[in-house]
Amino acid sequence: MATKRTNISLSEEILDYYQDIADSMGIPRNSAIVMALKTYMDQQKSLQMGDVYKNMKELVDKLELNKKD
């Protein structure tokens, strides 16, 4: 996947937090922030898929009820 450079402004609290993580992992701060964003993105996608599966299950349940009638 191609990468693009971006500039963002973050609070000192956030920068310090990710600097500590980066230092403990021995990676650049930028990499720690990218990992955190990727993890968040993956979690959001999983939650969205959970909603899709829930809706599909409700539809299957309704179809099964209609079969019984």
C-alpha atoms as a PDB file:
ATOM      1  CA  MET A   1       0.000   0.000   0.000  1.00  0.00           C
ATOM      2  CA  ALA A   2       1.339   3.425  -0.888  1.00  0.00           C
ATOM      3  CA  THR A   3       1.871   5.874   1.922  1.00  0.00           C
ATOM      4  CA  LYS A   4       1.302   9.614   1.962  1.00  0.00           C
ATOM      5  CA  ARG A   5       2.859  12.138   4.251  1.00  0.00           C
ATOM      6  CA  THR A   6       0.581  14.184   6.455  1.00  0.00           C
ATOM      7  CA  ASN A   7       1.053  16.767   9.167  1.00  0.00           C
ATOM      8  CA  ILE A   8      -1.220  16.909  12.197  1.00  0.00           C
ATOM      9  CA  SER A   9      -1.250  18.859  15.423  1.00  0.00           C
ATOM     10  CA  LEU A  10      -1.548  16.814  18.616  1.00  0.00           C
ATOM     11  CA  SER A  11      -1.652  17.792  22.257  1.00  0.00           C
ATOM     12  CA  GLU A  12       1.473  17.334  24.344  1.00  0.00           C
ATOM     13  CA  GLU A  13      -0.373  14.669  26.333  1.00  0.00           C
ATOM     14  CA  ILE A  14      -0.971  12.567  23.210  1.00  0.00           C
ATOM     15  CA  LEU A  15       2.552  13.103  21.906  1.00  0.00           C
ATOM     16  CA  ASP A  16       4.066  12.155  25.258  1.00  0.00           C
ATOM     17  CA  TYR A  17       1.856   9.080  25.489  1.00  0.00           C
ATOM     18  CA  TYR A  18       2.905   7.787  22.079  1.00  0.00           C
ATOM     19  CA  GLN A  19       6.518   8.760  22.652  1.00  0.00           C
ATOM     20  CA  ASP A  20       6.548   6.558  25.759  1.00  0.00           C
ATOM     21  CA  ILE A  21       5.030   3.677  23.786  1.00  0.00           C
ATOM     22  CA  ALA A  22       7.516   4.175  20.969  1.00  0.00           C
ATOM     23  CA  ASP A  23      10.448   4.274  23.389  1.00  0.00           C
ATOM     24  CA  SER A  24       9.322   1.081  25.111  1.00  0.00           C
ATOM     25  CA  MET A  25       8.982  -0.687  21.744  1.00  0.00           C
ATOM     26  CA  GLY A  26      12.150   0.792  20.255  1.00  0.00           C
ATOM     27  CA  ILE A  27      10.319   2.291  17.272  1.00  0.00           C
ATOM     28  CA  PRO A  28       9.821   5.838  15.995  1.00  0.00           C
ATOM     29  CA  ARG A  29       6.892   7.768  17.487  1.00  0.00           C
ATOM     30  CA  ASN A  30       5.339   8.043  14.037  1.00  0.00           C
ATOM     31  CA  SER A  31       5.241   4.249  13.789  1.00  0.00           C
ATOM     32  CA  ALA A  32       3.532   3.966  17.179  1.00  0.00           C
ATOM     33  CA  ILE A  33       0.866   6.462  16.084  1.00  0.00           C
ATOM     34  CA  VAL A  34       0.345   4.660  12.773  1.00  0.00           C
ATOM     35  CA  MET A  35      -0.032   1.340  14.642  1.00  0.00           C
ATOM     36  CA  ALA A  36      -2.600   2.903  16.966  1.00  0.00           C
ATOM     37  CA  LEU A  37      -4.591   4.336  14.068  1.00  0.00           C
ATOM     38  CA  LYS A  38      -4.509   1.018  12.207  1.00  0.00           C
ATOM     39  CA  THR A  39      -5.666  -0.836  15.315  1.00  0.00           C
ATOM     40  CA  TYR A  40      -8.525   1.633  15.770  1.00  0.00           C
ATOM     41  CA  MET A  41      -9.505   1.286  12.111  1.00  0.00           C
ATOM     42  CA  ASP A  42      -9.511  -2.528  12.351  1.00  0.00           C
ATOM     43  CA  GLN A  43     -11.648  -2.397  15.503  1.00  0.00           C
ATOM     44  CA  GLN A  44     -14.175  -0.095  13.825  1.00  0.00           C
ATOM     45  CA  LYS A  45     -14.404  -2.411  10.832  1.00  0.00           C
ATOM     46  CA  SER A  46     -14.987  -5.371  13.158  1.00  0.00           C
ATOM     47  CA  LEU A  47     -17.762  -3.517  14.953  1.00  0.00           C
ATOM     48  CA  GLN A  48     -19.386  -2.641  11.640  1.00  0.00           C
ATOM     49  CA  MET A  49     -19.198  -6.265  10.524  1.00  0.00           C
ATOM     50  CA  GLY A  50     -20.775  -7.292  13.821  1.00  0.00           C
ATOM     51  CA  ASP A  51     -23.722  -5.039  13.000  1.00  0.00           C
ATOM     52  CA  VAL A  52     -23.984  -6.584   9.531  1.00  0.00           C
ATOM     53  CA  TYR A  53     -24.002 -10.115  10.991  1.00  0.00           C
ATOM     54  CA  LYS A  54     -26.593  -9.100  13.581  1.00  0.00           C
ATOM     55  CA  ASN A  55     -28.851  -7.710  10.848  1.00  0.00           C
ATOM     56  CA  MET A  56     -28.355 -10.850   8.757  1.00  0.00           C
ATOM     57  CA  LYS A  57     -29.250 -13.067  11.721  1.00  0.00           C
ATOM     58  CA  GLU A  58     -32.408 -11.055  12.343  1.00  0.00           C
ATOM     59  CA  LEU A  59     -33.362 -11.470   8.694  1.00  0.00           C
ATOM     60  CA  VAL A  60     -32.723 -15.232   8.802  1.00  0.00           C
ATOM     61  CA  ASP A  61     -34.787 -15.501  11.989  1.00  0.00           C
ATOM     62  CA  LYS A  62     -37.677 -13.656  10.326  1.00  0.00           C
ATOM     63  CA  LEU A  63     -37.465 -15.884   7.267  1.00  0.00           C
ATOM     64  CA  GLU A  64     -37.526 -18.995   9.445  1.00  0.00           C
ATOM     65  CA  LEU A  65     -40.595 -17.692  11.271  1.00  0.00           C
ATOM     66  CA  ASN A  66     -42.316 -17.090   7.929  1.00  0.00           C
ATOM     67  CA  LYS A  67     -41.563 -20.680   6.884  1.00  0.00           C
ATOM     68  CA  LYS A  68     -43.380 -21.977   9.961  1.00  0.00           C
ATOM     69  CA  ASP A  69     -46.582 -20.096   9.074  1.00  0.00           C
END
